[in-house]
Amino acid sequence: MTIGASIGAVGGAARGASTILTGSQIGATVGALAGPLGITIGTVSGALLGGLAGGVGGCAIGAELGEKLDRHVLANNHCLVCGHRFNLPT
């Protein structure tokens, strides 16, 4: 699950990085109402929020995928009585 979350976070951050341009454009548009300083602050904050949202979303999806792999594919469940390892049915 930890590996899935880590991979998902990296993938989500990469996706967030690709949306930085869009986020910065939206932030600049909104910040234009406040003048040149607003454009600068809006651009930076839009880019940061785009990357952060991508990283968090990717981490959540990766953790869920990792949990499903642990439970249903990698035979990480075992019987406490006989010690047999098994997968949960899907």
Protein backbone atom coordinates (compact mmCIF):
# COMPACT_ATOMS: atom_id res chain seq x y z
CA MET A 1 0.00 0.00 0.00
CA THR A 2 2.86 2.38 0.82
CA ILE A 3 4.55 1.67 -2.51
CA GLY A 4 1.27 2.24 -4.35
CA ALA A 5 0.74 5.52 -2.51
CA SER A 6 4.29 6.65 -3.32
CA ILE A 7 3.98 5.78 -6.99
CA GLY A 8 0.56 7.43 -7.12
CA ALA A 9 1.91 10.58 -5.47
CA VAL A 10 4.73 10.83 -8.01
CA GLY A 11 2.31 10.22 -10.88
CA GLY A 12 -0.18 12.69 -9.45
CA ALA A 13 2.51 15.31 -8.98
CA ALA A 14 3.58 14.79 -12.60
CA ARG A 15 -0.02 15.24 -13.67
CA GLY A 16 -0.26 18.28 -11.41
CA ALA A 17 2.89 19.67 -13.00
CA SER A 18 1.26 19.41 -16.39
CA THR A 19 -1.70 21.41 -15.07
CA ILE A 20 0.54 24.09 -13.60
CA LEU A 21 0.30 26.08 -16.82
CA THR A 22 -3.50 26.01 -16.70
CA GLY A 23 -3.55 26.83 -12.99
CA SER A 24 -1.16 29.70 -13.43
CA GLN A 25 -3.21 31.10 -16.32
CA ILE A 26 -6.41 30.95 -14.27
CA GLY A 27 -4.61 32.48 -11.28
CA ALA A 28 -3.25 35.28 -13.46
CA THR A 29 -6.71 35.98 -14.87
CA VAL A 30 -8.28 36.16 -11.42
CA GLY A 31 -5.32 38.13 -10.05
CA ALA A 32 -5.59 40.67 -12.89
CA LEU A 33 -8.42 42.30 -10.96
CA ALA A 34 -5.87 43.37 -8.33
CA GLY A 35 -3.29 44.71 -10.77
CA PRO A 36 0.31 43.62 -11.53
CA LEU A 37 0.99 42.29 -8.04
CA GLY A 38 -2.26 40.32 -8.17
CA ILE A 39 -1.22 38.75 -11.48
CA THR A 40 2.08 37.61 -9.98
CA ILE A 41 0.53 36.23 -6.81
CA GLY A 42 -2.32 34.64 -8.76
CA THR A 43 0.09 32.94 -11.18
CA VAL A 44 2.26 31.48 -8.40
CA SER A 45 -0.65 30.39 -6.22
CA GLY A 46 -2.48 28.83 -9.19
CA ALA A 47 0.60 26.84 -10.15
CA LEU A 48 1.19 25.65 -6.57
CA LEU A 49 -2.42 24.61 -6.07
CA GLY A 50 -2.43 22.71 -9.37
CA GLY A 51 0.65 20.70 -8.42
CA LEU A 52 -0.56 20.09 -4.87
CA ALA A 53 -4.00 18.90 -5.98
CA GLY A 54 -2.42 16.49 -8.45
CA GLY A 55 -0.06 15.04 -5.84
CA VAL A 56 -2.77 14.52 -3.24
CA GLY A 57 -5.17 12.95 -5.72
CA GLY A 58 -2.50 10.63 -7.07
CA CYS A 59 -1.47 9.57 -3.59
CA ALA A 60 -5.05 8.67 -2.65
CA ILE A 61 -5.59 6.66 -5.82
CA GLY A 62 -2.20 4.94 -5.47
CA ALA A 63 -2.92 3.99 -1.85
CA GLU A 64 -6.27 2.49 -2.85
CA LEU A 65 -4.67 0.54 -5.69
CA GLY A 66 -1.89 -0.67 -3.38
CA GLU A 67 -4.43 -1.83 -0.81
CA LYS A 68 -6.37 -3.76 -3.48
CA LEU A 69 -3.15 -5.39 -4.72
CA ASP A 70 -2.17 -6.35 -1.17
CA ARG A 71 -5.55 -7.91 -0.43
CA HIS A 72 -6.44 -9.59 -3.72
CA VAL A 73 -3.22 -10.30 -5.65
CA LEU A 74 -0.14 -10.65 -3.44
CA ALA A 75 -1.44 -13.32 -1.01
CA ASN A 76 -0.83 -11.19 2.08
CA ASN A 77 -3.68 -12.76 4.05
CA HIS A 78 -3.00 -15.82 6.18
CA CYS A 79 -4.97 -18.14 8.41
CA LEU A 80 -4.17 -17.67 12.09
CA VAL A 81 -4.88 -21.35 12.78
CA CYS A 82 -2.90 -23.19 10.08
CA GLY A 83 -0.73 -20.39 8.60
CA HIS A 84 -2.02 -20.85 5.03
CA ARG A 85 -1.53 -17.78 2.79
CA PHE A 86 -4.41 -16.77 0.51
CA ASN A 87 -5.95 -13.97 -1.52
CA LEU A 88 -9.33 -12.48 -0.76
CA PRO A 89 -11.95 -13.04 -3.46
CA THR A 90 -12.60 -10.00 -5.64
